[in-house]
Protein backbone atom coordinates (compact mmCIF):
# COMPACT_ATOMS: atom_id res chain seq x y z
CA GLY A 1 67.00 90.95 101.21
CA TRP A 2 66.42 92.74 97.94
CA ARG A 3 64.37 91.48 95.03
CA GLN A 4 65.95 88.83 92.87
CA PRO A 5 67.12 90.07 89.45
CA VAL A 6 64.53 89.60 86.73
CA THR A 7 64.88 89.07 83.00
CA THR A 8 64.63 91.91 80.52
CA THR A 9 61.30 90.53 79.30
CA GLU A 10 59.88 90.34 82.83
CA ALA A 11 61.06 93.87 83.57
CA SER A 12 59.43 95.14 80.37
CA GLN A 13 56.15 93.49 81.25
CA GLN A 14 56.30 94.91 84.76
CA ASP A 15 57.02 98.38 83.38
CA ASP A 16 53.93 98.00 81.16
CA TYR A 17 51.89 97.32 84.29
CA ASP A 18 53.41 100.00 86.51
CA SER A 19 53.62 102.89 84.04
CA PRO A 20 49.90 103.79 84.00
CA TRP A 21 49.82 103.63 87.80
CA LYS A 22 52.71 106.06 88.08
CA GLU A 23 51.22 108.44 85.54
CA ALA A 24 47.80 108.34 87.18
CA ILE A 25 49.29 109.05 90.62
CA GLU A 26 51.22 112.03 89.26
CA ILE A 27 48.14 113.48 87.55
CA MET A 28 45.57 112.68 90.26
CA LEU A 29 47.42 112.27 93.56
CA ALA A 30 44.57 113.70 95.65
CA ASP A 31 42.01 111.35 94.06
CA PHE A 32 44.37 108.40 94.53
CA MET A 33 44.83 109.18 98.22
CA ALA A 34 41.11 109.84 98.78
CA PHE A 35 40.15 106.48 97.28
CA TYR A 36 42.81 104.16 98.73
CA PHE A 37 43.95 106.00 101.89
CA PRO A 38 41.10 108.32 102.99
CA ASP A 39 42.48 108.93 106.50
CA ALA A 40 45.78 110.16 105.11
CA TRP A 41 43.95 112.17 102.44
CA ARG A 42 42.03 114.07 105.13
CA ALA A 43 45.24 114.87 107.00
CA ILE A 44 47.00 116.38 103.95
CA ASP A 45 46.59 120.07 103.08
CA TRP A 46 45.66 119.91 99.41
CA GLN A 47 45.61 123.72 99.18
CA GLN A 48 49.40 123.54 99.38
CA PRO A 49 51.47 122.36 96.40
CA HIS A 50 52.97 118.89 96.51
CA ARG A 51 56.23 117.86 94.90
CA PHE A 52 57.33 114.53 93.41
CA LEU A 53 60.92 113.61 94.22
CA ASP A 54 61.77 110.96 91.63
CA GLN A 55 65.35 112.15 91.16
CA GLU A 56 65.96 112.21 94.89
CA LEU A 57 64.50 108.72 95.13
CA GLN A 58 67.01 107.40 92.61
CA LYS A 59 69.85 108.64 94.81
CA ILE A 60 68.45 107.12 97.99
CA LEU A 61 67.34 103.63 97.06
CA PRO A 62 68.98 100.69 95.32
CA GLU A 63 67.98 99.46 91.89
CA SER A 64 66.76 96.04 90.86
CA GLY A 65 68.91 93.66 88.83
CA THR A 66 67.75 95.23 85.57
CA GLY A 67 68.22 98.80 86.77
CA ARG A 68 64.47 99.31 87.13
CA ARG A 69 63.23 101.28 90.14
CA VAL A 70 61.39 99.17 92.70
CA VAL A 71 59.75 102.06 94.56
CA ASP A 72 57.05 103.88 92.72
CA LYS A 73 56.64 107.36 94.10
CA LEU A 74 58.06 109.72 96.71
CA VAL A 75 56.00 112.88 97.31
CA GLU A 76 56.50 115.88 99.55
CA VAL A 77 53.21 117.13 101.05
CA ALA A 78 52.00 119.50 103.76
CA LEU A 79 49.64 118.55 106.59
CA VAL A 80 46.45 120.34 107.59
CA GLN A 81 47.53 120.46 111.24
CA GLY A 82 51.22 120.60 110.52
CA GLY A 83 51.88 124.33 110.35
CA ASP A 84 55.12 124.58 108.38
CA GLN A 85 55.64 120.83 108.67
CA TRP A 86 56.23 118.93 105.42
CA ILE A 87 56.31 115.15 105.28
CA HIS A 88 57.12 112.55 102.64
CA LEU A 89 54.75 109.97 101.20
CA HIS A 90 56.42 106.78 100.05
CA ILE A 91 53.90 105.06 97.74
CA GLU A 92 54.51 101.58 96.38
CA ILE A 93 52.38 99.58 93.94
CA GLN A 94 53.10 95.89 94.53
CA SER A 95 51.81 93.62 91.76
CA SER A 96 52.96 90.24 93.11
CA ARG A 97 53.53 88.44 96.39
CA GLU A 98 56.97 89.02 97.89
CA SER A 99 58.20 87.25 101.01
CA ASP A 100 60.35 90.13 102.26
CA PHE A 101 58.02 92.96 101.27
CA ALA A 102 57.54 94.30 104.82
CA GLU A 103 61.29 94.29 105.40
CA ARG A 104 61.87 96.18 102.18
CA MET A 105 59.24 98.77 103.12
CA MET A 106 61.03 99.27 106.44
CA ILE A 107 64.43 99.71 104.76
CA TYR A 108 63.07 102.23 102.26
CA HIS A 109 61.18 104.05 105.03
CA TYR A 110 64.39 104.45 107.04
CA ARG A 111 66.51 105.49 104.06
CA ILE A 112 64.03 108.21 103.10
CA PHE A 113 63.95 109.47 106.69
CA ASP A 114 67.75 109.37 106.91
CA ARG A 115 68.01 111.49 103.74
CA PHE A 116 65.48 114.20 104.63
CA ARG A 117 65.12 113.94 108.44
CA ARG A 118 61.39 114.52 108.11
CA PRO A 119 58.47 112.22 108.98
CA VAL A 120 57.73 109.54 106.38
CA ALA A 121 54.42 107.79 105.65
CA SER A 122 54.88 104.53 103.76
CA LEU A 123 51.79 103.32 101.87
CA ALA A 124 51.31 100.20 99.75
CA VAL A 125 48.75 99.26 97.12
CA LEU A 126 48.60 95.47 96.80
CA ALA A 127 47.67 94.63 93.22
CA ASP A 128 48.43 90.89 93.42
CA ASN A 129 45.87 88.12 92.88
CA GLN A 130 46.29 86.29 96.21
CA PRO A 131 43.48 87.22 98.66
CA GLY A 132 45.34 85.83 101.69
CA TRP A 133 48.51 87.85 101.24
CA ARG A 134 48.47 90.79 103.67
CA PRO A 135 52.09 91.81 104.40
CA GLY A 136 53.23 93.75 107.42
CA PRO A 137 53.89 95.04 109.89
CA TYR A 138 57.65 94.61 109.99
CA ARG A 139 58.90 93.67 113.47
CA GLN A 140 62.39 93.18 114.83
CA SER A 141 63.24 92.54 118.47
CA MET A 142 66.63 91.96 120.02
CA LEU A 143 67.78 92.24 123.64
CA GLY A 144 64.90 94.50 124.58
CA CYS A 145 65.24 96.71 121.50
CA GLN A 146 62.04 96.92 119.39
CA TRP A 147 61.72 98.11 115.79
CA VAL A 148 58.25 98.14 114.22
CA LEU A 149 56.89 99.59 110.97
CA ASP A 150 53.15 99.19 110.55
CA PHE A 151 52.27 100.58 107.11
CA PRO A 152 48.75 101.06 105.67
CA ASN A 153 47.97 98.97 102.60
CA ALA A 154 45.08 98.84 100.16
CA LYS A 155 44.24 95.47 98.60
CA LEU A 156 42.69 95.84 95.15
CA LEU A 157 40.86 92.53 95.50
CA ASP A 158 38.89 94.05 98.39
CA TYR A 159 37.51 96.81 96.17
CA ARG A 160 36.13 94.32 93.67
CA GLN A 161 33.71 93.19 96.37
CA GLN A 162 32.55 96.79 96.87
CA GLU A 163 31.82 97.69 93.25
CA LYS A 164 28.09 98.26 93.83
CA ASP A 165 28.72 100.49 96.84
CA LEU A 166 31.32 102.52 94.94
CA ALA A 167 29.25 102.93 91.78
CA GLY A 168 28.03 106.44 92.75
CA SER A 169 31.50 107.87 93.36
CA ASP A 170 33.03 110.40 90.97
CA ASN A 171 36.54 109.38 91.95
CA PRO A 172 38.33 108.27 88.73
CA PHE A 173 40.09 105.44 90.58
CA VAL A 174 36.74 103.69 91.05
CA ASN A 175 36.81 102.87 87.35
CA ALA A 176 40.57 102.50 87.14
CA ASP A 177 40.59 99.02 88.67
CA ALA A 178 37.72 97.74 86.52
CA TRP A 179 39.47 99.12 83.43
CA ARG A 180 42.74 97.47 84.47
CA ARG A 181 40.96 94.09 84.79
CA HIS A 182 39.32 94.24 81.38
CA PRO A 183 39.95 91.04 79.34
CA LEU A 184 41.81 93.05 76.72
CA LEU A 185 44.38 94.00 79.34
CA ASN A 186 44.95 90.64 81.00
CA ASN A 187 48.33 88.90 81.06
CA THR A 188 47.76 86.88 77.88
CA TRP A 189 46.98 89.88 75.71
CA ARG A 190 49.65 91.96 77.38
CA HIS A 191 52.31 89.40 76.40
CA ILE A 192 51.00 89.02 72.85
CA ALA A 193 50.77 92.73 72.10
CA PRO A 194 52.70 94.82 74.64
CA GLY A 195 52.69 97.87 72.37
CA PHE A 196 48.92 97.71 72.09
CA PHE A 197 48.68 97.49 75.86
CA ILE A 198 50.85 100.57 76.28
CA GLY A 199 48.56 102.47 73.93
CA LEU A 200 45.47 101.40 75.83
CA THR A 201 46.95 102.29 79.20
CA ALA A 202 47.94 105.71 77.92
CA PHE A 203 44.38 106.19 76.67
CA GLY A 204 43.05 105.05 80.03
CA VAL A 205 45.14 107.58 81.92
CA PHE A 206 44.06 110.33 79.52
CA TYR A 207 40.41 109.32 79.89
CA ALA A 208 40.62 109.37 83.69
CA TYR A 209 42.35 112.75 83.61
CA ASP A 210 39.82 114.19 81.18
CA LYS A 211 36.96 112.90 83.31
CA ALA A 212 38.50 114.34 86.47
CA THR A 213 39.10 117.79 84.96
CA SER A 214 35.82 118.12 83.06
CA LYS A 215 33.60 117.57 86.11
CA LYS A 216 33.15 119.10 89.50
CA PRO A 217 35.58 117.99 92.21
CA ALA A 218 35.16 114.31 93.03
CA LYS A 219 32.95 113.25 95.90
CA HIS A 220 35.13 111.24 98.21
């Protein structure tokens, strides 16, 4: 099933959380992929332009009860070994546990494929606070018919245990998670001063972008 409708306040708070992620992915897609999905990053030809398909996404997928999009990004990319082959990356940032998350990823994966008739790679970043929640793969079996979607996911809690090992990396997303977890940006402060949070997140995205463009290419 689809997500239950949420209140306007909840949607606003979720937008506050998701907006910097979306902006950072648009500005630094290669760094995002290198940090969270290195195998996929190596397979993509970054010498070729990539294209975000937000308007197409709105036509393909349903909306939540408040009209807010529930899928974060759809990107068209070329593969290193793909020749003229272009594929679509379906990237979702999931900030809370959801019982039917794997099913929803499967439905979105199929709808994107049905629209473009090109291979789709569905990727999830799990930004929730429950260490034991590891959704997927989606499996359905009936009368000998099998349907499976096994999608890669990156759990942010895992990276917190690797902070020392990651300290030498130039990838801006190394610092993005630590910045996101700063006490000034926790839920309490976000609810008290949402406008202040928006300002800080915008500054954070600008800082990461400035850092990425003012140095040599990141070491992944």
